[in-house]
Amino acid sequence: MDILLMKSIQDQVLDLFKEEISTCLDRNWKEIPLELDYDLFDAPGDDLHEVLDKFEKQFNVDLSGVNWSCYFPWENTPLIQRWFKLKREDVERTRKPLTVKMFAESAKAGKWLYD
């Protein structure tokens, strides 16, 4: 029997993200394992883009309608406002967490469930 069929969708999504996302190190230089509640805000941009592409293909979940500004508000704030009016910390306080669990639940449902 195919090992993927034996694993739950949640485990499959977690495995995909573990393969693609470089995680942080703790004070002792040990890698912090990526878990379902890991906030992808800190994931390297290239890693995140690659895993999102693979996630869409593997689990057939369309992410084109995701409101990314909820999860990455600073990157989606107009440049003029960033220059003159806003502080990054103030903008980042409004952001929602983006977790691996959200992707696992969406894969199970077959569509993006959040925003």
PDB file of N, CA and C in Angstrom:
ATOM      1  N   MET A   1       0.852  -1.188   0.000  1.00  0.00           N
ATOM      2  CA  MET A   1       0.000   0.000   0.000  1.00  0.00           C
ATOM      3  C   MET A   1       0.891   1.242   0.000  1.00  0.00           C
ATOM      4  N   ASP A   2       0.490   2.225  -0.742  1.00  0.00           N
ATOM      5  CA  ASP A   2       1.231   3.478  -0.838  1.00  0.00           C
ATOM      6  C   ASP A   2       1.267   4.167   0.523  1.00  0.00           C
ATOM      7  N   ILE A   3       2.443   4.586   0.933  1.00  0.00           N
ATOM      8  CA  ILE A   3       2.601   5.213   2.261  1.00  0.00           C
ATOM      9  C   ILE A   3       1.790   6.510   2.374  1.00  0.00           C
ATOM     10  N   LEU A   4       1.617   7.236   1.250  1.00  0.00           N
ATOM     11  CA  LEU A   4       0.834   8.465   1.293  1.00  0.00           C
ATOM     12  C   LEU A   4      -0.628   8.182   1.615  1.00  0.00           C
ATOM     13  N   LEU A   5      -1.134   7.052   1.171  1.00  0.00           N
ATOM     14  CA  LEU A   5      -2.527   6.711   1.459  1.00  0.00           C
ATOM     15  C   LEU A   5      -2.728   6.406   2.933  1.00  0.00           C
ATOM     16  N   MET A   6      -1.688   5.923   3.588  1.00  0.00           N
ATOM     17  CA  MET A   6      -1.787   5.579   5.002  1.00  0.00           C
ATOM     18  C   MET A   6      -1.680   6.813   5.894  1.00  0.00           C
ATOM     19  N   LYS A   7      -1.061   7.858   5.432  1.00  0.00           N
ATOM     20  CA  LYS A   7      -0.900   9.073   6.227  1.00  0.00           C
ATOM     21  C   LYS A   7      -2.136   9.960   6.095  1.00  0.00           C
ATOM     22  N   SER A   8      -2.460  10.636   7.163  1.00  0.00           N
ATOM     23  CA  SER A   8      -3.577  11.582   7.110  1.00  0.00           C
ATOM     24  C   SER A   8      -3.160  12.787   6.269  1.00  0.00           C
ATOM     25  N   ILE A   9      -4.150  13.514   5.799  1.00  0.00           N
ATOM     26  CA  ILE A   9      -3.860  14.732   5.028  1.00  0.00           C
ATOM     27  C   ILE A   9      -3.055  15.694   5.885  1.00  0.00           C
ATOM     28  N   GLN A  10      -3.391  15.787   7.155  1.00  0.00           N
ATOM     29  CA  GLN A  10      -2.658  16.674   8.063  1.00  0.00           C
ATOM     30  C   GLN A  10      -1.180  16.307   8.091  1.00  0.00           C
ATOM     31  N   ASP A  11      -0.878  15.015   8.198  1.00  0.00           N
ATOM     32  CA  ASP A  11       0.517  14.563   8.215  1.00  0.00           C
ATOM     33  C   ASP A  11       1.207  14.820   6.873  1.00  0.00           C
ATOM     34  N   GLN A  12       0.477  14.633   5.785  1.00  0.00           N
ATOM     35  CA  GLN A  12       1.047  14.877   4.464  1.00  0.00           C
ATOM     36  C   GLN A  12       1.407  16.350   4.284  1.00  0.00           C
ATOM     37  N   VAL A  13       0.504  17.231   4.728  1.00  0.00           N
ATOM     38  CA  VAL A  13       0.770  18.676   4.626  1.00  0.00           C
ATOM     39  C   VAL A  13       1.959  19.039   5.511  1.00  0.00           C
ATOM     40  N   LEU A  14       1.988  18.545   6.723  1.00  0.00           N
ATOM     41  CA  LEU A  14       3.097  18.837   7.631  1.00  0.00           C
ATOM     42  C   LEU A  14       4.412  18.347   7.030  1.00  0.00           C
ATOM     43  N   ASP A  15       4.423  17.149   6.468  1.00  0.00           N
ATOM     44  CA  ASP A  15       5.641  16.623   5.839  1.00  0.00           C
ATOM     45  C   ASP A  15       6.102  17.508   4.690  1.00  0.00           C
ATOM     46  N   LEU A  16       5.165  17.961   3.865  1.00  0.00           N
ATOM     47  CA  LEU A  16       5.507  18.842   2.751  1.00  0.00           C
ATOM     48  C   LEU A  16       6.164  20.121   3.254  1.00  0.00           C
ATOM     49  N   PHE A  17       5.576  20.738   4.259  1.00  0.00           N
ATOM     50  CA  PHE A  17       6.126  21.982   4.795  1.00  0.00           C
ATOM     51  C   PHE A  17       7.471  21.747   5.480  1.00  0.00           C
ATOM     52  N   LYS A  18       7.621  20.615   6.143  1.00  0.00           N
ATOM     53  CA  LYS A  18       8.904  20.290   6.779  1.00  0.00           C
ATOM     54  C   LYS A  18      10.011  20.129   5.741  1.00  0.00           C
ATOM     55  N   GLU A  19       9.673  19.556   4.592  1.00  0.00           N
ATOM     56  CA  GLU A  19      10.652  19.363   3.521  1.00  0.00           C
ATOM     57  C   GLU A  19      11.089  20.684   2.897  1.00  0.00           C
ATOM     58  N   GLU A  20      10.188  21.635   2.828  1.00  0.00           N
ATOM     59  CA  GLU A  20      10.424  22.855   2.053  1.00  0.00           C
ATOM     60  C   GLU A  20      10.831  24.078   2.869  1.00  0.00           C
ATOM     61  N   ILE A  21      10.454  24.152   4.129  1.00  0.00           N
ATOM     62  CA  ILE A  21      10.675  25.358   4.928  1.00  0.00           C
ATOM     63  C   ILE A  21      11.900  25.193   5.827  1.00  0.00           C
ATOM     64  N   SER A  22      12.802  26.132   5.723  1.00  0.00           N
ATOM     65  CA  SER A  22      13.950  26.174   6.633  1.00  0.00           C
ATOM     66  C   SER A  22      13.473  26.769   7.948  1.00  0.00           C
ATOM     67  N   THR A  23      13.713  26.060   9.031  1.00  0.00           N
ATOM     68  CA  THR A  23      13.248  26.561  10.322  1.00  0.00           C
ATOM     69  C   THR A  23      14.372  27.301  11.045  1.00  0.00           C
ATOM     70  N   CYS A  24      14.007  27.932  12.130  1.00  0.00           N
ATOM     71  CA  CYS A  24      14.951  28.711  12.927  1.00  0.00           C
ATOM     72  C   CYS A  24      15.737  27.805  13.873  1.00  0.00           C
ATOM     73  N   LEU A  25      16.762  28.386  14.459  1.00  0.00           N
ATOM     74  CA  LEU A  25      17.565  27.682  15.454  1.00  0.00           C
ATOM     75  C   LEU A  25      17.301  28.282  16.828  1.00  0.00           C
ATOM     76  N   ASP A  26      17.372  27.448  17.855  1.00  0.00           N
ATOM     77  CA  ASP A  26      17.210  27.959  19.209  1.00  0.00           C
ATOM     78  C   ASP A  26      18.547  28.505  19.724  1.00  0.00           C
ATOM     79  N   ARG A  27      18.597  28.888  20.981  1.00  0.00           N
ATOM     80  CA  ARG A  27      19.820  29.473  21.556  1.00  0.00           C
ATOM     81  C   ARG A  27      21.008  28.520  21.516  1.00  0.00           C
ATOM     82  N   ASN A  28      20.727  27.233  21.510  1.00  0.00           N
ATOM     83  CA  ASN A  28      21.784  26.218  21.490  1.00  0.00           C
ATOM     84  C   ASN A  28      22.106  25.749  20.071  1.00  0.00           C
ATOM     85  N   TRP A  29      21.637  26.484  19.079  1.00  0.00           N
ATOM     86  CA  TRP A  29      21.878  26.193  17.670  1.00  0.00           C
ATOM     87  C   TRP A  29      21.241  24.879  17.225  1.00  0.00           C
ATOM     88  N   LYS A  30      20.174  24.480  17.900  1.00  0.00           N
ATOM     89  CA  LYS A  30      19.428  23.300  17.486  1.00  0.00           C
ATOM     90  C   LYS A  30      18.217  23.770  16.685  1.00  0.00           C
ATOM     91  N   GLU A  31      17.930  23.037  15.629  1.00  0.00           N
ATOM     92  CA  GLU A  31      16.808  23.399  14.782  1.00  0.00           C
ATOM     93  C   GLU A  31      15.491  23.234  15.541  1.00  0.00           C
ATOM     94  N   ILE A  32      14.640  24.236  15.433  1.00  0.00           N
ATOM     95  CA  ILE A  32      13.317  24.180  16.041  1.00  0.00           C
ATOM     96  C   ILE A  32      12.417  23.451  15.049  1.00  0.00           C
ATOM     97  N   PRO A  33      11.885  22.310  15.453  1.00  0.00           N
ATOM     98  CA  PRO A  33      11.085  21.531  14.498  1.00  0.00           C
ATOM     99  C   PRO A  33       9.819  22.271  14.071  1.00  0.00           C
ATOM    100  N   LEU A  34       9.508  22.145  12.822  1.00  0.00           N
ATOM    101  CA  LEU A  34       8.308  22.760  12.279  1.00  0.00           C
ATOM    102  C   LEU A  34       7.108  21.898  12.683  1.00  0.00           C
ATOM    103  N   GLU A  35       6.121  22.519  13.287  1.00  0.00           N
ATOM    104  CA  GLU A  35       4.918  21.823  13.730  1.00  0.00           C
ATOM    105  C   GLU A  35       3.694  22.497  13.115  1.00  0.00           C
ATOM    106  N   LEU A  36       2.540  21.975  13.387  1.00  0.00           N
ATOM    107  CA  LEU A  36       1.308  22.507  12.807  1.00  0.00           C
ATOM    108  C   LEU A  36       1.056  23.963  13.178  1.00  0.00           C
ATOM    109  N   ASP A  37       1.436  24.369  14.376  1.00  0.00           N
ATOM    110  CA  ASP A  37       1.185  25.738  14.826  1.00  0.00           C
ATOM    111  C   ASP A  37       2.293  26.715  14.442  1.00  0.00           C
ATOM    112  N   TYR A  38       3.264  26.265  13.656  1.00  0.00           N
ATOM    113  CA  TYR A  38       4.363  27.129  13.227  1.00  0.00           C
ATOM    114  C   TYR A  38       3.808  28.282  12.403  1.00  0.00           C
ATOM    115  N   ASP A  39       4.167  29.512  12.766  1.00  0.00           N
ATOM    116  CA  ASP A  39       3.728  30.704  12.047  1.00  0.00           C
ATOM    117  C   ASP A  39       4.660  30.917  10.857  1.00  0.00           C
ATOM    118  N   LEU A  40       4.124  30.830   9.676  1.00  0.00           N
ATOM    119  CA  LEU A  40       4.916  30.915   8.447  1.00  0.00           C
ATOM    120  C   LEU A  40       5.382  32.329   8.137  1.00  0.00           C
ATOM    121  N   PHE A  41       5.008  33.288   8.972  1.00  0.00           N
ATOM    122  CA  PHE A  41       5.455  34.660   8.784  1.00  0.00           C
ATOM    123  C   PHE A  41       6.979  34.744   8.762  1.00  0.00           C
ATOM    124  N   ASP A  42       7.624  33.911   9.552  1.00  0.00           N
ATOM    125  CA  ASP A  42       9.081  33.937   9.657  1.00  0.00           C
ATOM    126  C   ASP A  42       9.781  33.047   8.636  1.00  0.00           C
ATOM    127  N   ALA A  43       9.026  32.354   7.809  1.00  0.00           N
ATOM    128  CA  ALA A  43       9.632  31.468   6.813  1.00  0.00           C
ATOM    129  C   ALA A  43      10.310  32.296   5.729  1.00  0.00           C
ATOM    130  N   PRO A  44      11.473  31.840   5.256  1.00  0.00           N
ATOM    131  CA  PRO A  44      12.133  32.552   4.149  1.00  0.00           C
ATOM    132  C   PRO A  44      11.204  32.624   2.935  1.00  0.00           C
ATOM    133  N   GLY A  45      11.164  33.791   2.303  1.00  0.00           N
ATOM    134  CA  GLY A  45      10.242  34.037   1.189  1.00  0.00           C
ATOM    135  C   GLY A  45      10.324  33.027   0.063  1.00  0.00           C
ATOM    136  N   ASP A  46      11.531  32.664  -0.359  1.00  0.00           N
ATOM    137  CA  ASP A  46      11.671  31.699  -1.450  1.00  0.00           C
ATOM    138  C   ASP A  46      11.120  30.340  -1.046  1.00  0.00           C
ATOM    139  N   ASP A  47      11.415  29.918   0.170  1.00  0.00           N
ATOM    140  CA  ASP A  47      10.901  28.640   0.661  1.00  0.00           C
ATOM    141  C   ASP A  47       9.370  28.656   0.678  1.00  0.00           C
ATOM    142  N   LEU A  48       8.809  29.745   1.140  1.00  0.00           N
ATOM    143  CA  LEU A  48       7.357  29.845   1.246  1.00  0.00           C
ATOM    144  C   LEU A  48       6.704  29.787  -0.130  1.00  0.00           C
ATOM    145  N   HIS A  49       7.248  30.514  -1.083  1.00  0.00           N
ATOM    146  CA  HIS A  49       6.673  30.506  -2.437  1.00  0.00           C
ATOM    147  C   HIS A  49       6.710  29.106  -3.043  1.00  0.00           C
ATOM    148  N   GLU A  50       7.811  28.412  -2.855  1.00  0.00           N
ATOM    149  CA  GLU A  50       7.941  27.062  -3.406  1.00  0.00           C
ATOM    150  C   GLU A  50       6.954  26.094  -2.767  1.00  0.00           C
ATOM    151  N   VAL A  51       6.835  26.142  -1.443  1.00  0.00           N
ATOM    152  CA  VAL A  51       5.933  25.201  -0.775  1.00  0.00           C
ATOM    153  C   VAL A  51       4.479  25.511  -1.117  1.00  0.00           C
ATOM    154  N   LEU A  52       4.143  26.781  -1.308  1.00  0.00           N
ATOM    155  CA  LEU A  52       2.766  27.118  -1.669  1.00  0.00           C
ATOM    156  C   LEU A  52       2.427  26.586  -3.058  1.00  0.00           C
ATOM    157  N   ASP A  53       3.368  26.680  -3.996  1.00  0.00           N
ATOM    158  CA  ASP A  53       3.157  26.117  -5.328  1.00  0.00           C
ATOM    159  C   ASP A  53       2.951  24.609  -5.254  1.00  0.00           C
ATOM    160  N   LYS A  54       3.798  23.940  -4.493  1.00  0.00           N
ATOM    161  CA  LYS A  54       3.691  22.480  -4.354  1.00  0.00           C
ATOM    162  C   LYS A  54       2.399  22.091  -3.633  1.00  0.00           C
ATOM    163  N   PHE A  55       2.030  22.875  -2.617  1.00  0.00           N
ATOM    164  CA  PHE A  55       0.801  22.611  -1.876  1.00  0.00           C
ATOM    165  C   PHE A  55      -0.411  22.674  -2.811  1.00  0.00           C
ATOM    166  N   GLU A  56      -0.482  23.725  -3.633  1.00  0.00           N
ATOM    167  CA  GLU A  56      -1.608  23.867  -4.558  1.00  0.00           C
ATOM    168  C   GLU A  56      -1.731  22.668  -5.484  1.00  0.00           C
ATOM    169  N   LYS A  57      -0.590  22.231  -6.016  1.00  0.00           N
ATOM    170  CA  LYS A  57      -0.605  21.109  -6.957  1.00  0.00           C
ATOM    171  C   LYS A  57      -0.927  19.791  -6.255  1.00  0.00           C
ATOM    172  N   GLN A  58      -0.279  19.534  -5.134  1.00  0.00           N
ATOM    173  CA  GLN A  58      -0.437  18.244  -4.458  1.00  0.00           C
ATOM    174  C   GLN A  58      -1.824  18.057  -3.854  1.00  0.00           C
ATOM    175  N   PHE A  59      -2.401  19.139  -3.316  1.00  0.00           N
ATOM    176  CA  PHE A  59      -3.679  19.019  -2.609  1.00  0.00           C
ATOM    177  C   PHE A  59      -4.843  19.655  -3.365  1.00  0.00           C
ATOM    178  N   ASN A  60      -4.563  20.175  -4.567  1.00  0.00           N
ATOM    179  CA  ASN A  60      -5.589  20.759  -5.426  1.00  0.00           C
ATOM    180  C   ASN A  60      -6.412  21.824  -4.694  1.00  0.00           C
ATOM    181  N   VAL A  61      -5.695  22.724  -4.020  1.00  0.00           N
ATOM    182  CA  VAL A  61      -6.331  23.843  -3.314  1.00  0.00           C
ATOM    183  C   VAL A  61      -5.868  25.128  -3.992  1.00  0.00           C
ATOM    184  N   ASP A  62      -6.817  25.898  -4.490  1.00  0.00           N
ATOM    185  CA  ASP A  62      -6.513  27.146  -5.175  1.00  0.00           C
ATOM    186  C   ASP A  62      -6.230  28.243  -4.137  1.00  0.00           C
ATOM    187  N   LEU A  63      -5.025  28.799  -4.183  1.00  0.00           N
ATOM    188  CA  LEU A  63      -4.640  29.862  -3.244  1.00  0.00           C
ATOM    189  C   LEU A  63      -4.676  31.250  -3.891  1.00  0.00           C
ATOM    190  N   SER A  64      -5.171  31.330  -5.118  1.00  0.00           N
ATOM    191  CA  SER A  64      -5.160  32.616  -5.819  1.00  0.00           C
ATOM    192  C   SER A  64      -6.059  33.666  -5.171  1.00  0.00           C
ATOM    193  N   GLY A  65      -7.056  33.241  -4.423  1.00  0.00           N
ATOM    194  CA  GLY A  65      -7.957  34.191  -3.779  1.00  0.00           C
ATOM    195  C   GLY A  65      -7.599  34.537  -2.341  1.00  0.00           C
ATOM    196  N   VAL A  66      -6.455  34.036  -1.862  1.00  0.00           N
ATOM    197  CA  VAL A  66      -6.057  34.297  -0.480  1.00  0.00           C
ATOM    198  C   VAL A  66      -5.714  35.782  -0.328  1.00  0.00           C
ATOM    199  N   ASN A  67      -6.207  36.377   0.718  1.00  0.00           N
ATOM    200  CA  ASN A  67      -5.899  37.778   1.011  1.00  0.00           C
ATOM    201  C   ASN A  67      -4.589  37.827   1.810  1.00  0.00           C
ATOM    202  N   TRP A  68      -3.466  37.824   1.102  1.00  0.00           N
ATOM    203  CA  TRP A  68      -2.151  37.744   1.739  1.00  0.00           C
ATOM    204  C   TRP A  68      -1.861  38.941   2.628  1.00  0.00           C
ATOM    205  N   SER A  69      -2.555  40.053   2.408  1.00  0.00           N
ATOM    206  CA  SER A  69      -2.302  41.241   3.234  1.00  0.00           C
ATOM    207  C   SER A  69      -2.717  41.014   4.688  1.00  0.00           C
ATOM    208  N   CYS A  70      -3.586  40.048   4.944  1.00  0.00           N
ATOM    209  CA  CYS A  70      -3.943  39.707   6.330  1.00  0.00           C
ATOM    210  C   CYS A  70      -2.748  39.119   7.080  1.00  0.00           C
ATOM    211  N   TYR A  71      -1.896  38.406   6.342  1.00  0.00           N
ATOM    212  CA  TYR A  71      -0.798  37.662   6.947  1.00  0.00           C
ATOM    213  C   TYR A  71       0.553  38.366   6.784  1.00  0.00           C
ATOM    214  N   PHE A  72       0.648  39.223   5.778  1.00  0.00           N
ATOM    215  CA  PHE A  72       1.877  39.974   5.504  1.00  0.00           C
ATOM    216  C   PHE A  72       1.507  41.433   5.222  1.00  0.00           C
ATOM    217  N   PRO A  73       0.963  42.132   6.226  1.00  0.00           N
ATOM    218  CA  PRO A  73       0.447  43.483   5.976  1.00  0.00           C
ATOM    219  C   PRO A  73       1.511  44.493   5.559  1.00  0.00           C
ATOM    220  N   TRP A  74       2.700  44.416   6.090  1.00  0.00           N
ATOM    221  CA  TRP A  74       3.733  45.393   5.758  1.00  0.00           C
ATOM    222  C   TRP A  74       4.085  45.329   4.276  1.00  0.00           C
ATOM    223  N   GLU A  75       4.222  44.114   3.761  1.00  0.00           N
ATOM    224  CA  GLU A  75       4.577  43.932   2.356  1.00  0.00           C
ATOM    225  C   GLU A  75       3.469  44.418   1.429  1.00  0.00           C
ATOM    226  N   ASN A  76       2.252  44.521   1.947  1.00  0.00           N
ATOM    227  CA  ASN A  76       1.116  44.944   1.143  1.00  0.00           C
ATOM    228  C   ASN A  76       0.657  46.365   1.461  1.00  0.00           C
ATOM    229  N   THR A  77       1.463  47.090   2.224  1.00  0.00           N
ATOM    230  CA  THR A  77       1.174  48.487   2.523  1.00  0.00           C
ATOM    231  C   THR A  77       1.798  49.350   1.429  1.00  0.00           C
ATOM    232  N   PRO A  78       1.053  50.309   0.892  1.00  0.00           N
ATOM    233  CA  PRO A  78       1.613  51.158  -0.158  1.00  0.00           C
ATOM    234  C   PRO A  78       2.932  51.818   0.278  1.00  0.00           C
ATOM    235  N   LEU A  79       3.846  51.888  -0.645  1.00  0.00           N
ATOM    236  CA  LEU A  79       5.185  52.407  -0.378  1.00  0.00           C
ATOM    237  C   LEU A  79       5.161  53.817   0.220  1.00  0.00           C
ATOM    238  N   ILE A  80       4.305  54.661  -0.265  1.00  0.00           N
ATOM    239  CA  ILE A  80       4.250  56.041   0.234  1.00  0.00           C
ATOM    240  C   ILE A  80       3.885  56.067   1.717  1.00  0.00           C
ATOM    241  N   GLN A  81       2.978  55.173   2.126  1.00  0.00           N
ATOM    242  CA  GLN A  81       2.606  55.110   3.540  1.00  0.00           C
ATOM    243  C   GLN A  81       3.764  54.570   4.371  1.00  0.00           C
ATOM    244  N   ARG A  82       4.479  53.604   3.830  1.00  0.00           N
ATOM    245  CA  ARG A  82       5.619  53.056   4.570  1.00  0.00           C
ATOM    246  C   ARG A  82       6.693  54.120   4.769  1.00  0.00           C
ATOM    247  N   TRP A  83       6.874  54.963   3.789  1.00  0.00           N
ATOM    248  CA  TRP A  83       7.908  55.997   3.887  1.00  0.00           C
ATOM    249  C   TRP A  83       7.566  57.077   4.901  1.00  0.00           C
ATOM    250  N   PHE A  84       6.308  57.517   4.883  1.00  0.00           N
ATOM    251  CA  PHE A  84       5.985  58.733   5.610  1.00  0.00           C
ATOM    252  C   PHE A  84       5.095  58.580   6.838  1.00  0.00           C
ATOM    253  N   LYS A  85       4.220  57.603   6.853  1.00  0.00           N
ATOM    254  CA  LYS A  85       3.197  57.626   7.877  1.00  0.00           C
ATOM    255  C   LYS A  85       3.268  56.499   8.901  1.00  0.00           C
ATOM    256  N   LEU A  86       3.671  55.353   8.474  1.00  0.00           N
ATOM    257  CA  LEU A  86       3.505  54.193   9.326  1.00  0.00           C
ATOM    258  C   LEU A  86       4.822  53.626   9.831  1.00  0.00           C
ATOM    259  N   LYS A  87       4.732  53.000  10.964  1.00  0.00           N
ATOM    260  CA  LYS A  87       5.858  52.236  11.494  1.00  0.00           C
ATOM    261  C   LYS A  87       5.548  50.767  11.242  1.00  0.00           C
ATOM    262  N   ARG A  88       6.565  50.030  10.907  1.00  0.00           N
ATOM    263  CA  ARG A  88       6.361  48.612  10.620  1.00  0.00           C
ATOM    264  C   ARG A  88       5.720  47.881  11.802  1.00  0.00           C
ATOM    265  N   GLU A  89       6.162  48.188  13.004  1.00  0.00           N
ATOM    266  CA  GLU A  89       5.631  47.508  14.187  1.00  0.00           C
ATOM    267  C   GLU A  89       4.125  47.726  14.326  1.00  0.00           C
ATOM    268  N   ASP A  90       3.668  48.932  14.017  1.00  0.00           N
ATOM    269  CA  ASP A  90       2.239  49.228  14.105  1.00  0.00           C
ATOM    270  C   ASP A  90       1.438  48.414  13.093  1.00  0.00           C
ATOM    271  N   VAL A  91       1.970  48.296  11.890  1.00  0.00           N
ATOM    272  CA  VAL A  91       1.291  47.538  10.846  1.00  0.00           C
ATOM    273  C   VAL A  91       1.299  46.054  11.177  1.00  0.00           C
ATOM    274  N   GLU A  92       2.433  45.543  11.625  1.00  0.00           N
ATOM    275  CA  GLU A  92       2.561  44.109  11.911  1.00  0.00           C
ATOM    276  C   GLU A  92       1.664  43.673  13.064  1.00  0.00           C
ATOM    277  N   ARG A  93       1.300  44.572  13.954  1.00  0.00           N
ATOM    278  CA  ARG A  93       0.405  44.233  15.057  1.00  0.00           C
ATOM    279  C   ARG A  93      -0.968  43.780  14.558  1.00  0.00           C
ATOM    280  N   THR A  94      -1.330  44.208  13.362  1.00  0.00           N
ATOM    281  CA  THR A  94      -2.651  43.878  12.813  1.00  0.00           C
ATOM    282  C   THR A  94      -2.669  42.542  12.080  1.00  0.00           C
ATOM    283  N   ARG A  95      -1.524  41.927  11.893  1.00  0.00           N
ATOM    284  CA  ARG A  95      -1.472  40.728  11.064  1.00  0.00           C
ATOM    285  C   ARG A  95      -2.049  39.508  11.773  1.00  0.00           C
ATOM    286  N   LYS A  96      -2.620  38.629  10.979  1.00  0.00           N
ATOM    287  CA  LYS A  96      -3.124  37.353  11.472  1.00  0.00           C
ATOM    288  C   LYS A  96      -2.015  36.311  11.331  1.00  0.00           C
ATOM    289  N   PRO A  97      -1.965  35.333  12.212  1.00  0.00           N
ATOM    290  CA  PRO A  97      -0.972  34.266  12.041  1.00  0.00           C
ATOM    291  C   PRO A  97      -1.333  33.405  10.826  1.00  0.00           C
ATOM    292  N   LEU A  98      -0.315  32.906  10.162  1.00  0.00           N
ATOM    293  CA  LEU A  98      -0.473  31.997   9.022  1.00  0.00           C
ATOM    294  C   LEU A  98       0.254  30.711   9.392  1.00  0.00           C
ATOM    295  N   THR A  99      -0.505  29.672   9.705  1.00  0.00           N
ATOM    296  CA  THR A  99       0.098  28.455  10.235  1.00  0.00           C
ATOM    297  C   THR A  99      -0.027  27.278   9.260  1.00  0.00           C
ATOM    298  N   VAL A 100       0.811  26.288   9.484  1.00  0.00           N
ATOM    299  CA  VAL A 100       0.758  25.062   8.698  1.00  0.00           C
ATOM    300  C   VAL A 100      -0.603  24.387   8.907  1.00  0.00           C
ATOM    301  N   LYS A 101      -1.140  24.483  10.104  1.00  0.00           N
ATOM    302  CA  LYS A 101      -2.443  23.878  10.410  1.00  0.00           C
ATOM    303  C   LYS A 101      -3.539  24.439   9.504  1.00  0.00           C
ATOM    304  N   MET A 102      -3.459  25.716   9.185  1.00  0.00           N
ATOM    305  CA  MET A 102      -4.443  26.333   8.300  1.00  0.00           C
ATOM    306  C   MET A 102      -4.410  25.663   6.931  1.00  0.00           C
ATOM    307  N   PHE A 103      -3.220  25.344   6.465  1.00  0.00           N
ATOM    308  CA  PHE A 103      -3.078  24.675   5.175  1.00  0.00           C
ATOM    309  C   PHE A 103      -3.575  23.235   5.260  1.00  0.00           C
ATOM    310  N   ALA A 104      -3.308  22.569   6.374  1.00  0.00           N
ATOM    311  CA  ALA A 104      -3.773  21.192   6.553  1.00  0.00           C
ATOM    312  C   ALA A 104      -5.307  21.134   6.565  1.00  0.00           C
ATOM    313  N   GLU A 105      -5.925  22.053   7.272  1.00  0.00           N
ATOM    314  CA  GLU A 105      -7.388  22.074   7.328  1.00  0.00           C
ATOM    315  C   GLU A 105      -7.990  22.428   5.972  1.00  0.00           C
ATOM    316  N   SER A 106      -7.337  23.321   5.262  1.00  0.00           N
ATOM    317  CA  SER A 106      -7.807  23.693   3.925  1.00  0.00           C
ATOM    318  C   SER A 106      -7.646  22.534   2.946  1.00  0.00           C
ATOM    319  N   ALA A 107      -6.550  21.796   3.047  1.00  0.00           N
ATOM    320  CA  ALA A 107      -6.339  20.630   2.181  1.00  0.00           C
ATOM    321  C   ALA A 107      -7.426  19.596   2.426  1.00  0.00           C
ATOM    322  N   LYS A 108      -7.781  19.408   3.682  1.00  0.00           N
ATOM    323  CA  LYS A 108      -8.833  18.451   4.025  1.00  0.00           C
ATOM    324  C   LYS A 108     -10.170  18.874   3.429  1.00  0.00           C
ATOM    325  N   ALA A 109     -10.448  20.187   3.440  1.00  0.00           N
ATOM    326  CA  ALA A 109     -11.702  20.718   2.911  1.00  0.00           C
ATOM    327  C   ALA A 109     -11.688  20.873   1.393  1.00  0.00           C
ATOM    328  N   GLY A 110     -10.480  20.904   0.800  1.00  0.00           N
ATOM    329  CA  GLY A 110     -10.373  21.070  -0.646  1.00  0.00           C
ATOM    330  C   GLY A 110     -10.459  22.509  -1.116  1.00  0.00           C
ATOM    331  N   LYS A 111     -10.379  23.450  -0.169  1.00  0.00           N
ATOM    332  CA  LYS A 111     -10.416  24.883  -0.514  1.00  0.00           C
ATOM    333  C   LYS A 111      -9.826  25.672   0.646  1.00  0.00           C
ATOM    334  N   TRP A 112      -9.405  26.904   0.366  1.00  0.00           N
ATOM    335  CA  TRP A 112      -8.856  27.773   1.405  1.00  0.00           C
ATOM    336  C   TRP A 112     -10.001  28.214   2.320  1.00  0.00           C
ATOM    337  N   LEU A 113      -9.828  28.030   3.617  1.00  0.00           N
ATOM    338  CA  LEU A 113     -10.901  28.265   4.585  1.00  0.00           C
ATOM    339  C   LEU A 113     -10.809  29.597   5.333  1.00  0.00           C
ATOM    340  N   TYR A 114      -9.771  30.372   5.106  1.00  0.00           N
ATOM    341  CA  TYR A 114      -9.523  31.518   5.985  1.00  0.00           C
ATOM    342  C   TYR A 114      -9.568  32.855   5.247  1.00  0.00           C
ATOM    343  N   ASP A 115      -9.417  33.921   5.991  1.00  0.00           N
ATOM    344  CA  ASP A 115      -9.367  35.336   5.604  1.00  0.00           C
ATOM    345  C   ASP A 115     -10.511  36.088   6.147  1.00  0.00           C
TER     346      ASP A 115
END
